[in-house]
Amino acid sequence: MRFGFVVPNNIGIEDPQDLIRLGVLAEELGFDSVWVNHHILHVGYVRERLGTKPYQDALITLTWLAANTSKVRIGTSVLVMPYVHPMALAKQLATLDQFSNGRLIVGLGAGSLPEENAALGIPYESRGRYCNEFLQVLRKLWTEDDASFSGEFFSFENICSSPKPQQRPHPLIVVGGNRPAALLRVARYGDGWHPMNVAPDGVRRRMEALGQHTRELGREHVPQAVQVRLDMSRLDAETIAAYEGEGVTDLIVHVATSNVDKQRTAMQEFARFLG
């Protein structure tokens, strides 16, 4: 079992250097990965939780974490695909993968905040189809020098995106979501599954569905990583063993407080499960 720590860029911590110090501590304590959250605007439940307190940008925070660490893997939990463009993101992530010496894990999801889509002028109901094309475009730009694609949202011929990622053919792509449409997206386009707050028995049921989808699509194997994200306080030795028994490869933990000292203490107490 591997363990990741979610750096709390999403809960209103005023000093961004506190986020970097928590990421560095995660590496020192032996966590295998550090992760960041992604939203753009303070609307809906983000505004209800934060008011006007900061929610630091995902990729800039992750870049600073990469620059201040050397071993721990870095990931996005998760980037909301409808809020970004795959061509711009392909270059950003490939560059970050190179700067981090191949440590990047790319978590991507469809999002579930209609108010944010509306404020950004992005249709909410078509986001699933957009994400399906987005994942195909991203892979093409990372693996082909003359990429072409024809779809509902993206159409292009013989374009090149460079640099390519350091990891070949590309960084691990883990797809977020617990619902049937998300599982089908994992089976079609993902290298791994990255759900939130799913209990071990829920993992088992969804893994059965994921396996069926994968076989029907003719893919060779169920995606290689199963990364369940949940609150650190929900885990003990018995629960960790239950997740491992259901095929979970990574537990990605977060601490639901903006108190940096409490974040640090929780990480240190959790360190007994690491290694």
C-alpha atoms as a PDB file:
ATOM      1  CA  MET A   1       0.000   0.000   0.000  1.00  0.00           C
ATOM      2  CA  ARG A   2       1.179   3.493  -0.868  1.00  0.00           C
ATOM      3  CA  PHE A   3       0.030   6.654   0.892  1.00  0.00           C
ATOM      4  CA  GLY A   4      -0.468  10.142  -0.452  1.00  0.00           C
ATOM      5  CA  PHE A   5      -1.120  13.424   1.350  1.00  0.00           C
ATOM      6  CA  VAL A   6      -3.400  16.141  -0.028  1.00  0.00           C
ATOM      7  CA  VAL A   7      -1.785  19.542   0.476  1.00  0.00           C
ATOM      8  CA  PRO A   8      -4.668  21.770   1.658  1.00  0.00           C
ATOM      9  CA  ASN A   9      -4.634  24.492  -0.980  1.00  0.00           C
ATOM     10  CA  ASN A  10      -8.446  24.381  -0.877  1.00  0.00           C
ATOM     11  CA  ILE A  11      -9.308  25.356   2.709  1.00  0.00           C
ATOM     12  CA  GLY A  12      -8.279  28.967   3.129  1.00  0.00           C
ATOM     13  CA  ILE A  13      -4.709  28.840   4.447  1.00  0.00           C
ATOM     14  CA  GLU A  14      -3.422  32.396   4.161  1.00  0.00           C
ATOM     15  CA  ASP A  15       0.329  31.801   3.903  1.00  0.00           C
ATOM     16  CA  PRO A  16       1.098  29.725   0.778  1.00  0.00           C
ATOM     17  CA  GLN A  17       4.491  28.818   2.227  1.00  0.00           C
ATOM     18  CA  ASP A  18       2.629  26.771   4.848  1.00  0.00           C
ATOM     19  CA  LEU A  19       1.371  24.585   2.007  1.00  0.00           C
ATOM     20  CA  ILE A  20       4.894  24.021   0.736  1.00  0.00           C
ATOM     21  CA  ARG A  21       6.173  23.234   4.219  1.00  0.00           C
ATOM     22  CA  LEU A  22       3.440  20.624   4.632  1.00  0.00           C
ATOM     23  CA  GLY A  23       4.423  19.044   1.312  1.00  0.00           C
ATOM     24  CA  VAL A  24       8.073  18.943   2.327  1.00  0.00           C
ATOM     25  CA  LEU A  25       7.085  17.372   5.661  1.00  0.00           C
ATOM     26  CA  ALA A  26       5.082  14.728   3.809  1.00  0.00           C
ATOM     27  CA  GLU A  27       8.217  13.729   1.913  1.00  0.00           C
ATOM     28  CA  GLU A  28      10.289  13.698   5.098  1.00  0.00           C
ATOM     29  CA  LEU A  29       7.738  11.520   6.899  1.00  0.00           C
ATOM     30  CA  GLY A  30       7.710   8.964   4.091  1.00  0.00           C
ATOM     31  CA  PHE A  31       4.497   9.669   2.212  1.00  0.00           C
ATOM     32  CA  ASP A  32       4.716   8.358  -1.349  1.00  0.00           C
ATOM     33  CA  SER A  33       2.914  11.262  -3.011  1.00  0.00           C
ATOM     34  CA  VAL A  34       1.523  14.756  -2.470  1.00  0.00           C
ATOM     35  CA  TRP A  35      -1.586  16.106  -4.174  1.00  0.00           C
ATOM     36  CA  VAL A  36      -3.407  19.366  -4.828  1.00  0.00           C
ATOM     37  CA  ASN A  37      -7.053  20.314  -5.290  1.00  0.00           C
ATOM     38  CA  HIS A  38      -8.581  22.261  -8.177  1.00  0.00           C
ATOM     39  CA  HIS A  39     -11.298  24.870  -8.421  1.00  0.00           C
ATOM     40  CA  ILE A  40     -11.140  28.269 -10.082  1.00  0.00           C
ATOM     41  CA  LEU A  41     -13.940  30.348  -8.554  1.00  0.00           C
ATOM     42  CA  HIS A  42     -15.481  30.863  -5.118  1.00  0.00           C
ATOM     43  CA  VAL A  43     -19.041  29.836  -5.945  1.00  0.00           C
ATOM     44  CA  GLY A  44     -21.420  27.177  -4.639  1.00  0.00           C
ATOM     45  CA  TYR A  45     -20.029  24.968  -1.905  1.00  0.00           C
ATOM     46  CA  VAL A  46     -16.550  26.500  -2.317  1.00  0.00           C
ATOM     47  CA  ARG A  47     -17.910  29.936  -1.373  1.00  0.00           C
ATOM     48  CA  GLU A  48     -19.951  28.420   1.466  1.00  0.00           C
ATOM     49  CA  ARG A  49     -16.823  26.808   2.885  1.00  0.00           C
ATOM     50  CA  LEU A  50     -14.289  29.572   2.334  1.00  0.00           C
ATOM     51  CA  GLY A  51     -16.055  32.872   1.976  1.00  0.00           C
ATOM     52  CA  THR A  52     -13.243  34.954   0.479  1.00  0.00           C
ATOM     53  CA  LYS A  53     -10.339  33.016   1.995  1.00  0.00           C
ATOM     54  CA  PRO A  54      -7.755  31.773  -0.519  1.00  0.00           C
ATOM     55  CA  TYR A  55      -7.945  28.672  -2.664  1.00  0.00           C
ATOM     56  CA  GLN A  56      -4.479  28.566  -4.238  1.00  0.00           C
ATOM     57  CA  ASP A  57      -4.058  27.551  -7.877  1.00  0.00           C
ATOM     58  CA  ALA A  58      -3.498  23.835  -8.381  1.00  0.00           C
ATOM     59  CA  LEU A  59      -0.701  23.788 -10.956  1.00  0.00           C
ATOM     60  CA  ILE A  60       1.293  26.681  -9.518  1.00  0.00           C
ATOM     61  CA  THR A  61       1.123  25.094  -6.057  1.00  0.00           C
ATOM     62  CA  LEU A  62       2.144  21.730  -7.506  1.00  0.00           C
ATOM     63  CA  THR A  63       5.079  23.327  -9.329  1.00  0.00           C
ATOM     64  CA  TRP A  64       6.344  24.889  -6.094  1.00  0.00           C
ATOM     65  CA  LEU A  65       5.955  21.529  -4.367  1.00  0.00           C
ATOM     66  CA  ALA A  66       7.956  19.854  -7.124  1.00  0.00           C
ATOM     67  CA  ALA A  67      10.706  22.460  -6.786  1.00  0.00           C
ATOM     68  CA  ASN A  68      10.961  21.959  -3.027  1.00  0.00           C
ATOM     69  CA  THR A  69      10.940  18.145  -2.995  1.00  0.00           C
ATOM     70  CA  SER A  70      13.023  15.515  -4.716  1.00  0.00           C
ATOM     71  CA  LYS A  71      11.495  12.051  -4.228  1.00  0.00           C
ATOM     72  CA  VAL A  72       7.795  12.257  -3.484  1.00  0.00           C
ATOM     73  CA  ARG A  73       5.452  11.914  -6.448  1.00  0.00           C
ATOM     74  CA  ILE A  74       3.188  14.873  -7.256  1.00  0.00           C
ATOM     75  CA  GLY A  75      -0.423  14.649  -8.361  1.00  0.00           C
ATOM     76  CA  THR A  76      -3.683  16.468  -9.041  1.00  0.00           C
ATOM     77  CA  SER A  77      -6.769  15.365  -7.121  1.00  0.00           C
ATOM     78  CA  VAL A  78      -8.328  16.210  -9.497  1.00  0.00           C
ATOM     79  CA  LEU A  79      -8.104  18.756 -12.293  1.00  0.00           C
ATOM     80  CA  VAL A  80     -11.623  19.544 -13.520  1.00  0.00           C
ATOM     81  CA  MET A  81     -11.346  18.990 -17.257  1.00  0.00           C
ATOM     82  CA  PRO A  82     -14.156  21.327 -18.410  1.00  0.00           C
ATOM     83  CA  TYR A  83     -12.335  24.253 -16.753  1.00  0.00           C
ATOM     84  CA  VAL A  84      -9.172  23.844 -18.816  1.00  0.00           C
ATOM     85  CA  HIS A  85      -8.149  23.243 -22.439  1.00  0.00           C
ATOM     86  CA  PRO A  86      -6.306  20.006 -23.256  1.00  0.00           C
ATOM     87  CA  MET A  87      -3.796  21.679 -25.571  1.00  0.00           C
ATOM     88  CA  ALA A  88      -2.670  24.187 -22.953  1.00  0.00           C
ATOM     89  CA  LEU A  89      -2.742  21.546 -20.229  1.00  0.00           C
ATOM     90  CA  ALA A  90      -0.714  19.062 -22.289  1.00  0.00           C
ATOM     91  CA  LYS A  91       2.165  21.524 -22.480  1.00  0.00           C
ATOM     92  CA  GLN A  92       1.899  22.584 -18.827  1.00  0.00           C
ATOM     93  CA  LEU A  93       1.864  19.048 -17.487  1.00  0.00           C
ATOM     94  CA  ALA A  94       4.581  17.778 -19.819  1.00  0.00           C
ATOM     95  CA  THR A  95       6.812  20.647 -18.721  1.00  0.00           C
ATOM     96  CA  LEU A  96       6.051  19.943 -15.054  1.00  0.00           C
ATOM     97  CA  ASP A  97       6.802  16.249 -15.550  1.00  0.00           C
ATOM     98  CA  GLN A  98      10.200  17.180 -16.946  1.00  0.00           C
ATOM     99  CA  PHE A  99      10.981  19.710 -14.203  1.00  0.00           C
ATOM    100  CA  SER A 100       9.998  17.157 -11.542  1.00  0.00           C
ATOM    101  CA  ASN A 101      12.139  14.441 -13.137  1.00  0.00           C
ATOM    102  CA  GLY A 102       9.182  12.245 -14.025  1.00  0.00           C
ATOM    103  CA  ARG A 103       7.254  12.385 -10.744  1.00  0.00           C
ATOM    104  CA  LEU A 104       3.868  13.553 -12.043  1.00  0.00           C
ATOM    105  CA  ILE A 105       0.542  11.712 -11.676  1.00  0.00           C
ATOM    106  CA  VAL A 106      -2.340  13.295 -13.566  1.00  0.00           C
ATOM    107  CA  GLY A 107      -5.708  13.095 -11.818  1.00  0.00           C
ATOM    108  CA  LEU A 108      -8.621  14.318 -13.960  1.00  0.00           C
ATOM    109  CA  GLY A 109     -12.353  14.546 -13.371  1.00  0.00           C
ATOM    110  CA  ALA A 110     -15.607  15.900 -14.796  1.00  0.00           C
ATOM    111  CA  GLY A 111     -16.485  18.139 -11.841  1.00  0.00           C
ATOM    112  CA  SER A 112     -19.747  18.532  -9.947  1.00  0.00           C
ATOM    113  CA  LEU A 113     -20.288  22.249  -9.334  1.00  0.00           C
ATOM    114  CA  PRO A 114     -22.885  23.632 -11.792  1.00  0.00           C
ATOM    115  CA  GLU A 115     -22.484  27.177 -10.457  1.00  0.00           C
ATOM    116  CA  GLU A 116     -18.823  27.210 -11.442  1.00  0.00           C
ATOM    117  CA  ASN A 117     -19.547  25.930 -14.925  1.00  0.00           C
ATOM    118  CA  ALA A 118     -22.196  28.627 -15.339  1.00  0.00           C
ATOM    119  CA  ALA A 119     -19.887  31.409 -14.155  1.00  0.00           C
ATOM    120  CA  LEU A 120     -17.155  30.206 -16.525  1.00  0.00           C
ATOM    121  CA  GLY A 121     -19.595  29.935 -19.430  1.00  0.00           C
ATOM    122  CA  ILE A 122     -19.089  26.177 -19.750  1.00  0.00           C
ATOM    123  CA  PRO A 123     -22.084  23.863 -20.391  1.00  0.00           C
ATOM    124  CA  TYR A 124     -22.636  21.488 -17.481  1.00  0.00           C
ATOM    125  CA  GLU A 125     -24.778  18.820 -19.115  1.00  0.00           C
ATOM    126  CA  SER A 126     -22.257  18.079 -21.889  1.00  0.00           C
ATOM    127  CA  ARG A 127     -19.233  17.852 -19.582  1.00  0.00           C
ATOM    128  CA  GLY A 128     -19.053  14.053 -19.808  1.00  0.00           C
ATOM    129  CA  ARG A 129     -18.692  14.067 -23.591  1.00  0.00           C
ATOM    130  CA  TYR A 130     -16.176  16.911 -23.317  1.00  0.00           C
ATOM    131  CA  CYS A 131     -14.095  14.891 -20.850  1.00  0.00           C
ATOM    132  CA  ASN A 132     -14.107  11.817 -23.057  1.00  0.00           C
ATOM    133  CA  GLU A 133     -12.651  13.817 -25.939  1.00  0.00           C
ATOM    134  CA  PHE A 134     -10.293  15.688 -23.611  1.00  0.00           C
ATOM    135  CA  LEU A 135      -8.632  12.461 -22.460  1.00  0.00           C
ATOM    136  CA  GLN A 136      -8.143  11.267 -26.033  1.00  0.00           C
ATOM    137  CA  VAL A 137      -6.660  14.601 -27.113  1.00  0.00           C
ATOM    138  CA  LEU A 138      -4.272  14.682 -24.150  1.00  0.00           C
ATOM    139  CA  ARG A 139      -2.900  11.235 -24.952  1.00  0.00           C
ATOM    140  CA  LYS A 140      -2.471  12.084 -28.626  1.00  0.00           C
ATOM    141  CA  LEU A 141      -0.585  15.294 -27.913  1.00  0.00           C
ATOM    142  CA  TRP A 142       1.730  13.451 -25.532  1.00  0.00           C
ATOM    143  CA  THR A 143       2.463  10.482 -27.779  1.00  0.00           C
ATOM    144  CA  GLU A 144       2.311  11.745 -31.373  1.00  0.00           C
ATOM    145  CA  ASP A 145       4.423  14.343 -33.182  1.00  0.00           C
ATOM    146  CA  ASP A 146       1.715  14.930 -35.796  1.00  0.00           C
ATOM    147  CA  ALA A 147      -1.527  14.480 -33.918  1.00  0.00           C
ATOM    148  CA  SER A 148      -4.963  14.606 -35.505  1.00  0.00           C
ATOM    149  CA  PHE A 149      -8.409  14.360 -33.968  1.00  0.00           C
ATOM    150  CA  SER A 150     -11.982  14.931 -35.080  1.00  0.00           C
ATOM    151  CA  GLY A 151     -14.745  15.248 -32.511  1.00  0.00           C
ATOM    152  CA  GLU A 152     -17.623  17.322 -31.201  1.00  0.00           C
ATOM    153  CA  PHE A 153     -15.426  19.684 -29.168  1.00  0.00           C
ATOM    154  CA  PHE A 154     -11.952  19.339 -30.683  1.00  0.00           C
ATOM    155  CA  SER A 155     -10.855  18.972 -34.289  1.00  0.00           C
ATOM    156  CA  PHE A 156      -7.328  19.396 -35.612  1.00  0.00           C
ATOM    157  CA  GLU A 157      -4.858  17.910 -38.065  1.00  0.00           C
ATOM    158  CA  ASN A 158      -1.126  17.331 -37.878  1.00  0.00           C
ATOM    159  CA  ILE A 159      -0.298  19.437 -34.842  1.00  0.00           C
ATOM    160  CA  CYS A 160       2.642  18.980 -32.515  1.00  0.00           C
ATOM    161  CA  SER A 161       2.809  19.683 -28.789  1.00  0.00           C
ATOM    162  CA  SER A 162       6.296  19.800 -27.322  1.00  0.00           C
ATOM    163  CA  PRO A 163       7.913  19.053 -24.941  1.00  0.00           C
ATOM    164  CA  LYS A 164       6.641  15.562 -24.387  1.00  0.00           C
ATOM    165  CA  PRO A 165       6.485  14.278 -20.804  1.00  0.00           C
ATOM    166  CA  GLN A 166       9.601  12.687 -19.378  1.00  0.00           C
ATOM    167  CA  GLN A 167       7.573   9.601 -18.469  1.00  0.00           C
ATOM    168  CA  ARG A 168       6.859   7.465 -21.503  1.00  0.00           C
ATOM    169  CA  PRO A 169       4.463   7.098 -23.080  1.00  0.00           C
ATOM    170  CA  HIS A 170       3.038   9.640 -20.618  1.00  0.00           C
ATOM    171  CA  PRO A 171       2.392  10.123 -16.875  1.00  0.00           C
ATOM    172  CA  LEU A 172      -0.125   7.896 -15.164  1.00  0.00           C
ATOM    173  CA  ILE A 173      -3.640   9.210 -15.864  1.00  0.00           C
ATOM    174  CA  VAL A 174      -6.073   8.510 -13.037  1.00  0.00           C
ATOM    175  CA  VAL A 175      -9.722   9.385 -13.551  1.00  0.00           C
ATOM    176  CA  GLY A 176     -11.862  10.583 -10.664  1.00  0.00           C
ATOM    177  CA  GLY A 177     -15.494   9.795  -9.913  1.00  0.00           C
ATOM    178  CA  ASN A 178     -17.666   7.172  -8.245  1.00  0.00           C
ATOM    179  CA  ARG A 179     -20.703   7.062 -10.521  1.00  0.00           C
ATOM    180  CA  PRO A 180     -21.351   4.704 -13.466  1.00  0.00           C
ATOM    181  CA  ALA A 181     -20.390   7.264 -16.137  1.00  0.00           C
ATOM    182  CA  ALA A 182     -17.083   7.918 -14.384  1.00  0.00           C
ATOM    183  CA  LEU A 183     -16.324   4.197 -14.126  1.00  0.00           C
ATOM    184  CA  LEU A 184     -16.944   3.780 -17.835  1.00  0.00           C
ATOM    185  CA  ARG A 185     -14.583   6.723 -18.471  1.00  0.00           C
ATOM    186  CA  VAL A 186     -11.917   5.015 -16.338  1.00  0.00           C
ATOM    187  CA  ALA A 187     -12.351   1.793 -18.279  1.00  0.00           C
ATOM    188  CA  ARG A 188     -12.112   3.533 -21.646  1.00  0.00           C
ATOM    189  CA  TYR A 189      -9.371   6.091 -21.067  1.00  0.00           C
ATOM    190  CA  GLY A 190      -7.779   5.768 -17.627  1.00  0.00           C
ATOM    191  CA  ASP A 191      -4.627   4.156 -16.312  1.00  0.00           C
ATOM    192  CA  GLY A 192      -6.171   4.233 -12.856  1.00  0.00           C
ATOM    193  CA  TRP A 193      -9.221   5.105 -10.793  1.00  0.00           C
ATOM    194  CA  HIS A 194      -9.219   7.953  -8.256  1.00  0.00           C
ATOM    195  CA  PRO A 195     -12.515   8.002  -6.287  1.00  0.00           C
ATOM    196  CA  MET A 196     -13.407   9.934  -3.130  1.00  0.00           C
ATOM    197  CA  ASN A 197     -14.887   8.621   0.117  1.00  0.00           C
ATOM    198  CA  VAL A 198     -15.674   5.099  -1.078  1.00  0.00           C
ATOM    199  CA  ALA A 199     -15.763   2.422   1.634  1.00  0.00           C
ATOM    200  CA  PRO A 200     -13.984  -0.910   1.023  1.00  0.00           C
ATOM    201  CA  ASP A 201     -17.219  -2.698   0.096  1.00  0.00           C
ATOM    202  CA  GLY A 202     -18.024   0.131  -2.302  1.00  0.00           C
ATOM    203  CA  VAL A 203     -14.626  -0.322  -3.900  1.00  0.00           C
ATOM    204  CA  ARG A 204     -15.364  -3.994  -4.394  1.00  0.00           C
ATOM    205  CA  ARG A 205     -18.713  -3.389  -6.107  1.00  0.00           C
ATOM    206  CA  ARG A 206     -17.314  -0.709  -8.381  1.00  0.00           C
ATOM    207  CA  MET A 207     -14.222  -2.746  -9.219  1.00  0.00           C
ATOM    208  CA  GLU A 208     -16.517  -5.518 -10.435  1.00  0.00           C
ATOM    209  CA  ALA A 209     -18.284  -3.053 -12.724  1.00  0.00           C
ATOM    210  CA  LEU A 210     -14.962  -1.580 -13.831  1.00  0.00           C
ATOM    211  CA  GLY A 211     -13.645  -5.028 -14.687  1.00  0.00           C
ATOM    212  CA  GLN A 212     -16.745  -5.794 -16.738  1.00  0.00           C
ATOM    213  CA  HIS A 213     -16.436  -2.502 -18.639  1.00  0.00           C
ATOM    214  CA  THR A 214     -12.767  -3.149 -19.303  1.00  0.00           C
ATOM    215  CA  ARG A 215     -13.409  -6.628 -20.686  1.00  0.00           C
ATOM    216  CA  GLU A 216     -16.253  -5.395 -22.894  1.00  0.00           C
ATOM    217  CA  LEU A 217     -14.000  -2.687 -24.308  1.00  0.00           C
ATOM    218  CA  GLY A 218     -11.239  -5.164 -25.034  1.00  0.00           C
ATOM    219  CA  ARG A 219      -8.618  -3.538 -22.819  1.00  0.00           C
ATOM    220  CA  GLU A 220      -5.987  -5.919 -21.567  1.00  0.00           C
ATOM    221  CA  HIS A 221      -6.373  -5.308 -17.838  1.00  0.00           C
ATOM    222  CA  VAL A 222      -8.228  -3.326 -15.221  1.00  0.00           C
ATOM    223  CA  PRO A 223      -6.475   0.028 -14.752  1.00  0.00           C
ATOM    224  CA  GLN A 224      -3.295  -0.426 -12.764  1.00  0.00           C
ATOM    225  CA  ALA A 225      -3.860   2.051  -9.903  1.00  0.00           C
ATOM    226  CA  VAL A 226      -6.813   2.364  -7.531  1.00  0.00           C
ATOM    227  CA  GLN A 227      -6.330   5.479  -5.423  1.00  0.00           C
ATOM    228  CA  VAL A 228      -9.047   6.111  -2.849  1.00  0.00           C
ATOM    229  CA  ARG A 229      -9.082   9.624  -1.394  1.00  0.00           C
ATOM    230  CA  LEU A 230     -10.599  10.111   2.055  1.00  0.00           C
ATOM    231  CA  ASP A 231     -10.207  11.892   5.384  1.00  0.00           C
ATOM    232  CA  MET A 232      -7.170  10.727   7.334  1.00  0.00           C
ATOM    233  CA  SER A 233      -9.297  10.347  10.488  1.00  0.00           C
ATOM    234  CA  ARG A 234     -11.231   7.493   8.852  1.00  0.00           C
ATOM    235  CA  LEU A 235      -8.202   5.209   8.687  1.00  0.00           C
ATOM    236  CA  ASP A 236      -6.786   2.700  11.127  1.00  0.00           C
ATOM    237  CA  ALA A 237      -4.793  -0.500  10.632  1.00  0.00           C
ATOM    238  CA  GLU A 238      -7.917  -2.621  10.121  1.00  0.00           C
ATOM    239  CA  THR A 239      -9.454  -0.259   7.579  1.00  0.00           C
ATOM    240  CA  ILE A 240      -6.189   0.055   5.661  1.00  0.00           C
ATOM    241  CA  ALA A 241      -6.002  -3.742   5.459  1.00  0.00           C
ATOM    242  CA  ALA A 242      -9.590  -3.869   4.196  1.00  0.00           C
ATOM    243  CA  TYR A 243      -8.826  -1.410   1.409  1.00  0.00           C
ATOM    244  CA  GLU A 244      -5.693  -3.327   0.460  1.00  0.00           C
ATOM    245  CA  GLY A 245      -7.735  -6.526   0.342  1.00  0.00           C
ATOM    246  CA  GLU A 246     -10.020  -4.951  -2.235  1.00  0.00           C
ATOM    247  CA  GLY A 247      -7.134  -4.088  -4.550  1.00  0.00           C
ATOM    248  CA  VAL A 248      -6.575  -0.472  -3.546  1.00  0.00           C
ATOM    249  CA  THR A 249      -2.992   0.485  -4.370  1.00  0.00           C
ATOM    250  CA  ASP A 250      -2.937   3.995  -2.843  1.00  0.00           C
ATOM    251  CA  LEU A 251      -4.792   5.766  -0.062  1.00  0.00           C
ATOM    252  CA  ILE A 252      -4.733   9.522  -0.633  1.00  0.00           C
ATOM    253  CA  VAL A 253      -5.489  11.210   2.682  1.00  0.00           C
ATOM    254  CA  HIS A 254      -6.509  14.732   3.592  1.00  0.00           C
ATOM    255  CA  VAL A 255      -7.044  16.551   6.886  1.00  0.00           C
ATOM    256  CA  ALA A 256     -10.176  18.683   7.123  1.00  0.00           C
ATOM    257  CA  THR A 257      -8.808  21.701   8.976  1.00  0.00           C
ATOM    258  CA  SER A 258      -7.233  25.037   8.049  1.00  0.00           C
ATOM    259  CA  ASN A 259      -5.150  24.907  11.247  1.00  0.00           C
ATOM    260  CA  VAL A 260      -1.640  24.223  10.002  1.00  0.00           C
ATOM    261  CA  ASP A 261      -0.431  22.918  13.367  1.00  0.00           C
ATOM    262  CA  LYS A 262      -3.271  20.380  13.423  1.00  0.00           C
ATOM    263  CA  GLN A 263      -2.401  19.375   9.868  1.00  0.00           C
ATOM    264  CA  ARG A 264       1.203  18.788  10.891  1.00  0.00           C
ATOM    265  CA  THR A 265       0.286  16.849  14.035  1.00  0.00           C
ATOM    266  CA  ALA A 266      -2.135  14.609  12.142  1.00  0.00           C
ATOM    267  CA  MET A 267       0.537  13.842   9.532  1.00  0.00           C
ATOM    268  CA  GLN A 268       3.075  12.943  12.190  1.00  0.00           C
ATOM    269  CA  GLU A 269       0.608  10.663  13.984  1.00  0.00           C
ATOM    270  CA  PHE A 270      -0.331   8.976  10.722  1.00  0.00           C
ATOM    271  CA  ALA A 271       3.325   8.327   9.914  1.00  0.00           C
ATOM    272  CA  ARG A 272       3.175   5.064  11.900  1.00  0.00           C
ATOM    273  CA  PHE A 273       1.357   3.534   8.911  1.00  0.00           C
ATOM    274  CA  LEU A 274       4.035   4.567   6.427  1.00  0.00           C
ATOM    275  CA  GLY A 275       6.942   2.492   5.186  1.00  0.00           C
END
